[in-house]
């Protein structure tokens, strides 16, 4: 395994995580604040009606500069 420094972009705080990959290190840290599920159709309909946009993987979220 390798040691990864996982930085919080907004605050600059850093956590050191010993993990097999950088994705695993990020998952370890993000797991403290986020959970990922597959929404049911009814939940998707409500979220869409509430104006929650669909984000495409690999594209910068609306309002953020493209990192490339």
N, C-alpha and C. Protein backbone atom coordinates (compact mmCIF):
# COMPACT_ATOMS: atom_id res chain seq x y z
N UNK A 1 0.85 -1.18 0.00
CA UNK A 1 0.00 0.00 0.00
C UNK A 1 0.89 1.24 0.00
N UNK A 2 0.27 2.36 -0.32
CA UNK A 2 1.00 3.63 -0.38
C UNK A 2 0.32 4.63 0.54
N UNK A 3 1.06 5.65 0.90
CA UNK A 3 0.52 6.71 1.74
C UNK A 3 0.06 7.86 0.84
N UNK A 4 -1.19 8.26 1.00
CA UNK A 4 -1.77 9.34 0.19
C UNK A 4 -2.15 10.50 1.09
N UNK A 5 -1.87 11.72 0.62
CA UNK A 5 -2.32 12.93 1.30
C UNK A 5 -3.61 13.36 0.60
N UNK A 6 -4.73 13.27 1.31
CA UNK A 6 -6.03 13.63 0.75
C UNK A 6 -6.35 15.03 1.25
N UNK A 7 -6.38 15.99 0.31
CA UNK A 7 -6.58 17.39 0.65
C UNK A 7 -8.02 17.83 0.43
N UNK A 8 -8.57 18.54 1.40
CA UNK A 8 -9.89 19.14 1.25
C UNK A 8 -9.69 20.44 0.50
N UNK A 9 -10.24 20.55 -0.71
CA UNK A 9 -9.96 21.70 -1.58
C UNK A 9 -10.37 23.03 -0.95
N UNK A 10 -11.50 23.08 -0.27
CA UNK A 10 -12.00 24.35 0.27
C UNK A 10 -11.21 24.82 1.49
N UNK A 11 -10.90 23.89 2.40
CA UNK A 11 -10.27 24.29 3.66
C UNK A 11 -8.76 24.13 3.65
N UNK A 12 -8.25 23.27 2.76
CA UNK A 12 -6.81 23.02 2.75
C UNK A 12 -6.36 21.97 3.75
N UNK A 13 -7.30 21.43 4.54
CA UNK A 13 -6.92 20.41 5.52
C UNK A 13 -6.49 19.14 4.79
N UNK A 14 -5.60 18.40 5.42
CA UNK A 14 -5.03 17.20 4.81
C UNK A 14 -5.20 16.02 5.75
N UNK A 15 -5.55 14.87 5.17
CA UNK A 15 -5.58 13.62 5.92
C UNK A 15 -4.62 12.65 5.24
N UNK A 16 -3.82 11.94 6.01
CA UNK A 16 -2.92 10.92 5.48
C UNK A 16 -3.62 9.58 5.55
N UNK A 17 -3.68 8.89 4.41
CA UNK A 17 -4.39 7.61 4.34
C UNK A 17 -3.47 6.58 3.69
N UNK A 18 -3.26 5.46 4.37
CA UNK A 18 -2.51 4.34 3.82
C UNK A 18 -3.51 3.46 3.08
N UNK A 19 -3.42 3.42 1.76
CA UNK A 19 -4.42 2.72 0.95
C UNK A 19 -3.77 2.11 -0.28
N UNK A 20 -4.47 1.17 -0.93
CA UNK A 20 -3.89 0.53 -2.11
C UNK A 20 -3.90 1.43 -3.36
N UNK A 21 -4.85 2.37 -3.45
CA UNK A 21 -4.93 3.28 -4.60
C UNK A 21 -5.39 4.66 -4.13
N UNK A 22 -5.19 5.68 -4.99
CA UNK A 22 -5.68 7.01 -4.62
C UNK A 22 -7.21 7.03 -4.57
N UNK A 23 -7.87 6.24 -5.41
CA UNK A 23 -9.34 6.17 -5.37
C UNK A 23 -9.82 5.58 -4.04
N UNK A 24 -9.12 4.57 -3.55
CA UNK A 24 -9.49 3.97 -2.27
C UNK A 24 -9.27 4.97 -1.13
N UNK A 25 -8.19 5.75 -1.20
CA UNK A 25 -7.93 6.76 -0.18
C UNK A 25 -9.03 7.82 -0.18
N UNK A 26 -9.44 8.26 -1.37
CA UNK A 26 -10.50 9.25 -1.48
C UNK A 26 -11.83 8.68 -0.97
N UNK A 27 -12.12 7.44 -1.32
CA UNK A 27 -13.34 6.78 -0.84
C UNK A 27 -13.35 6.70 0.68
N UNK A 28 -12.19 6.40 1.26
CA UNK A 28 -12.08 6.30 2.72
C UNK A 28 -12.45 7.63 3.37
N UNK A 29 -11.94 8.72 2.82
CA UNK A 29 -12.19 10.06 3.39
C UNK A 29 -13.60 10.53 3.08
N UNK A 30 -14.04 10.38 1.84
CA UNK A 30 -15.36 10.85 1.44
C UNK A 30 -16.46 10.06 2.14
N UNK A 31 -16.16 8.82 2.49
CA UNK A 31 -17.15 8.00 3.18
C UNK A 31 -17.60 8.58 4.50
N UNK A 32 -16.81 9.49 5.08
CA UNK A 32 -17.19 10.15 6.32
C UNK A 32 -18.35 11.11 6.10
N UNK A 33 -18.48 11.65 4.89
CA UNK A 33 -19.47 12.69 4.64
C UNK A 33 -20.47 12.36 3.54
N UNK A 34 -20.17 11.36 2.73
CA UNK A 34 -21.03 11.05 1.59
C UNK A 34 -21.37 9.57 1.55
N UNK A 35 -22.52 9.28 1.00
CA UNK A 35 -22.93 7.90 0.74
C UNK A 35 -23.49 7.87 -0.67
N UNK A 36 -23.21 6.82 -1.40
CA UNK A 36 -23.68 6.69 -2.79
C UNK A 36 -24.69 5.56 -2.86
N UNK A 37 -25.84 5.85 -3.46
CA UNK A 37 -26.88 4.85 -3.67
C UNK A 37 -27.40 4.97 -5.10
N UNK A 38 -28.11 3.98 -5.55
CA UNK A 38 -28.80 4.07 -6.83
C UNK A 38 -30.24 4.47 -6.52
N UNK A 39 -30.67 5.66 -6.99
CA UNK A 39 -32.00 6.14 -6.63
C UNK A 39 -33.11 5.39 -7.39
N UNK A 40 -34.24 5.28 -6.74
CA UNK A 40 -35.42 4.71 -7.40
C UNK A 40 -35.98 5.77 -8.36
N UNK A 41 -36.76 5.34 -9.32
CA UNK A 41 -37.33 6.24 -10.33
C UNK A 41 -38.10 7.39 -9.69
N UNK A 42 -38.86 7.11 -8.66
CA UNK A 42 -39.65 8.15 -7.98
C UNK A 42 -38.74 9.23 -7.38
N UNK A 43 -37.60 8.81 -6.79
CA UNK A 43 -36.66 9.77 -6.21
C UNK A 43 -36.02 10.62 -7.32
N UNK A 44 -35.67 10.00 -8.45
CA UNK A 44 -35.10 10.74 -9.57
C UNK A 44 -36.10 11.78 -10.06
N UNK A 45 -37.37 11.40 -10.19
CA UNK A 45 -38.40 12.33 -10.65
C UNK A 45 -38.53 13.51 -9.69
N UNK A 46 -38.52 13.25 -8.39
CA UNK A 46 -38.64 14.34 -7.41
C UNK A 46 -37.42 15.25 -7.46
N UNK A 47 -36.24 14.67 -7.50
CA UNK A 47 -35.02 15.48 -7.54
C UNK A 47 -34.97 16.33 -8.81
N UNK A 48 -35.35 15.75 -9.94
CA UNK A 48 -35.38 16.51 -11.20
C UNK A 48 -36.39 17.64 -11.11
N UNK A 49 -37.56 17.36 -10.54
CA UNK A 49 -38.59 18.39 -10.38
C UNK A 49 -38.11 19.50 -9.46
N UNK A 50 -37.25 19.16 -8.50
CA UNK A 50 -36.70 20.15 -7.57
C UNK A 50 -35.53 20.92 -8.17
N UNK A 51 -35.14 20.57 -9.41
CA UNK A 51 -34.08 21.30 -10.10
C UNK A 51 -32.69 20.78 -9.87
N UNK A 52 -32.56 19.56 -9.33
CA UNK A 52 -31.23 18.98 -9.12
C UNK A 52 -30.71 18.51 -10.48
N UNK A 53 -29.57 19.07 -10.94
CA UNK A 53 -29.07 18.70 -12.27
C UNK A 53 -28.36 17.35 -12.25
N UNK A 54 -28.33 16.70 -13.40
CA UNK A 54 -27.56 15.47 -13.57
C UNK A 54 -26.15 15.87 -13.99
N UNK A 55 -25.15 15.36 -13.28
CA UNK A 55 -23.75 15.64 -13.60
C UNK A 55 -23.18 14.45 -14.35
N UNK A 56 -22.45 14.71 -15.42
CA UNK A 56 -21.79 13.66 -16.18
C UNK A 56 -20.38 13.45 -15.63
N UNK A 57 -20.04 12.20 -15.33
CA UNK A 57 -18.71 11.86 -14.83
C UNK A 57 -17.64 12.40 -15.77
N UNK A 58 -16.64 13.02 -15.20
CA UNK A 58 -15.52 13.53 -15.99
C UNK A 58 -15.68 14.97 -16.42
N UNK A 59 -16.87 15.53 -16.29
CA UNK A 59 -17.09 16.94 -16.63
C UNK A 59 -17.11 17.77 -15.35
N UNK A 60 -16.64 19.01 -15.45
CA UNK A 60 -16.65 19.89 -14.28
C UNK A 60 -18.09 20.23 -13.92
N UNK A 61 -18.44 20.22 -12.63
CA UNK A 61 -19.79 20.62 -12.24
C UNK A 61 -20.07 22.06 -12.67
N UNK A 62 -21.34 22.38 -12.89
CA UNK A 62 -21.72 23.73 -13.32
C UNK A 62 -21.16 24.77 -12.36
N UNK A 63 -20.60 25.82 -12.90
CA UNK A 63 -20.05 26.88 -12.07
C UNK A 63 -18.60 26.68 -11.68
N UNK A 64 -18.02 25.53 -12.01
CA UNK A 64 -16.61 25.28 -11.69
C UNK A 64 -15.81 25.21 -12.98
N UNK A 65 -14.59 25.72 -12.95
CA UNK A 65 -13.76 25.65 -14.17
C UNK A 65 -13.38 24.22 -14.50
N UNK A 66 -13.22 23.95 -15.79
CA UNK A 66 -12.77 22.64 -16.25
C UNK A 66 -11.31 22.48 -15.85
N UNK A 67 -10.95 21.40 -15.13
CA UNK A 67 -9.57 21.25 -14.64
C UNK A 67 -8.54 20.99 -15.73
N UNK A 68 -8.95 20.68 -16.97
CA UNK A 68 -7.98 20.36 -18.02
C UNK A 68 -7.45 21.57 -18.71
